[in-house]
Amino acid sequence: MDEEKNYEKIIENEINLIVGKNLRLQRKKLKLSTAEVAFRANISRAYLGRIERGEVTASHHIILKITIVLDLDMNTAFKGTHPKIKPYLNFQLDTHL
């Protein structure tokens, strides 16, 4: 069970890093500051920074608000996460069968 929890945390951290990187790339592409995006999304600049660095797992609601500000669809925000989550889901199936 501990192995499963550790694996889940590793996957979560990797996905946070990917999503954060995708959001940061779009923000920089639009030449927006963290302060401007945070203000428009009604979150703190510090929290946005932590999301971009992959330090926190933001709710889908927060990610959606940021993607709207960045004119980015959710699929693009999560681009690159599929190869990380699919093995995790297979691991879940294997350990529970």
Protein backbone atom coordinates (compact mmCIF):
# COMPACT_ATOMS: atom_id res chain seq x y z
CA MET A 1 0.00 0.00 0.00
CA ASP A 2 2.87 2.38 0.76
CA GLU A 3 4.34 1.68 -2.67
CA GLU A 4 1.03 2.62 -4.25
CA LYS A 5 0.81 5.91 -2.30
CA ASN A 6 4.41 6.79 -3.17
CA TYR A 7 3.81 6.07 -6.86
CA GLU A 8 0.64 8.17 -6.80
CA LYS A 9 2.53 11.11 -5.24
CA ILE A 10 5.34 10.83 -7.80
CA ILE A 11 2.84 10.88 -10.68
CA GLU A 12 0.97 13.81 -9.15
CA ASN A 13 4.22 15.78 -8.81
CA GLU A 14 5.23 15.03 -12.39
CA ILE A 15 1.83 16.14 -13.71
CA ASN A 16 2.01 19.32 -11.63
CA LEU A 17 5.39 20.11 -13.22
CA ILE A 18 4.08 19.53 -16.75
CA VAL A 19 0.91 21.61 -16.25
CA GLY A 20 2.89 24.39 -14.58
CA LYS A 21 5.38 24.45 -17.44
CA ASN A 22 2.58 24.60 -20.03
CA LEU A 23 0.90 27.49 -18.22
CA ARG A 24 4.18 29.38 -17.84
CA LEU A 25 5.06 28.92 -21.53
CA GLN A 26 1.71 30.38 -22.59
CA ARG A 27 1.99 33.26 -20.11
CA LYS A 28 5.43 34.15 -21.43
CA LYS A 29 4.25 33.76 -25.03
CA LEU A 30 1.57 36.36 -24.28
CA LYS A 31 4.15 38.52 -22.48
CA LEU A 32 2.04 38.68 -19.34
CA SER A 33 3.44 39.01 -15.84
CA THR A 34 2.50 36.62 -13.05
CA ALA A 35 0.88 39.59 -11.30
CA GLU A 36 -1.35 40.33 -14.31
CA VAL A 37 -2.45 36.72 -14.78
CA ALA A 38 -3.04 36.25 -11.06
CA PHE A 39 -5.09 39.44 -10.87
CA ARG A 40 -7.26 38.43 -13.84
CA ALA A 41 -7.72 34.89 -12.47
CA ASN A 42 -8.47 36.24 -8.98
CA ILE A 43 -5.69 34.26 -7.27
CA SER A 44 -2.52 35.42 -5.56
CA ARG A 45 0.68 35.94 -7.53
CA ALA A 46 2.49 33.67 -5.08
CA TYR A 47 -0.02 30.88 -5.68
CA LEU A 48 0.32 31.24 -9.45
CA GLY A 49 4.09 31.02 -9.07
CA ARG A 50 3.75 27.82 -7.04
CA ILE A 51 1.44 26.35 -9.70
CA GLU A 52 3.88 27.25 -12.49
CA ARG A 53 6.75 25.64 -10.55
CA GLY A 54 4.68 22.49 -9.96
CA GLU A 55 4.82 22.88 -6.20
CA VAL A 56 1.07 22.50 -5.62
CA THR A 57 -1.83 20.56 -7.05
CA ALA A 58 -4.29 23.21 -8.12
CA SER A 59 -7.97 22.37 -8.42
CA HIS A 60 -9.51 22.07 -11.85
CA HIS A 61 -11.43 25.26 -11.09
CA ILE A 62 -8.21 27.24 -10.53
CA ILE A 63 -6.54 25.72 -13.61
CA LEU A 64 -9.64 26.59 -15.66
CA LYS A 65 -9.56 30.22 -14.48
CA ILE A 66 -5.88 30.49 -15.43
CA THR A 67 -6.40 28.88 -18.83
CA ILE A 68 -9.24 31.30 -19.59
CA VAL A 69 -6.99 34.25 -18.77
CA LEU A 70 -4.25 32.74 -20.95
CA ASP A 71 -6.65 31.90 -23.80
CA LEU A 72 -5.52 28.30 -23.50
CA ASP A 73 -7.71 25.21 -23.62
CA MET A 74 -7.51 22.61 -20.86
CA ASN A 75 -6.18 19.97 -23.26
CA THR A 76 -3.19 22.16 -24.03
CA ALA A 77 -2.66 22.91 -20.35
CA PHE A 78 -2.45 19.15 -19.70
CA LYS A 79 -0.48 18.34 -22.87
CA GLY A 80 2.22 15.81 -22.10
CA THR A 81 0.56 14.33 -19.01
CA HIS A 82 -0.97 11.31 -20.78
CA PRO A 83 2.31 9.32 -20.90
CA LYS A 84 2.67 9.87 -17.14
CA ILE A 85 -0.85 8.97 -16.05
CA LYS A 86 -1.45 5.93 -18.29
CA PRO A 87 1.23 3.75 -16.62
CA TYR A 88 -0.13 4.84 -13.24
CA LEU A 89 -3.65 3.71 -14.18
CA ASN A 90 -2.25 0.40 -15.43
CA PHE A 91 -0.38 0.05 -12.11
CA GLN A 92 -3.68 0.60 -10.29
CA LEU A 93 -5.34 -2.15 -12.33
CA ASP A 94 -2.48 -4.58 -11.82
CA THR A 95 -2.34 -4.08 -8.05
CA HIS A 96 -6.09 -4.37 -7.53
CA LEU A 97 -6.81 -7.43 -9.70
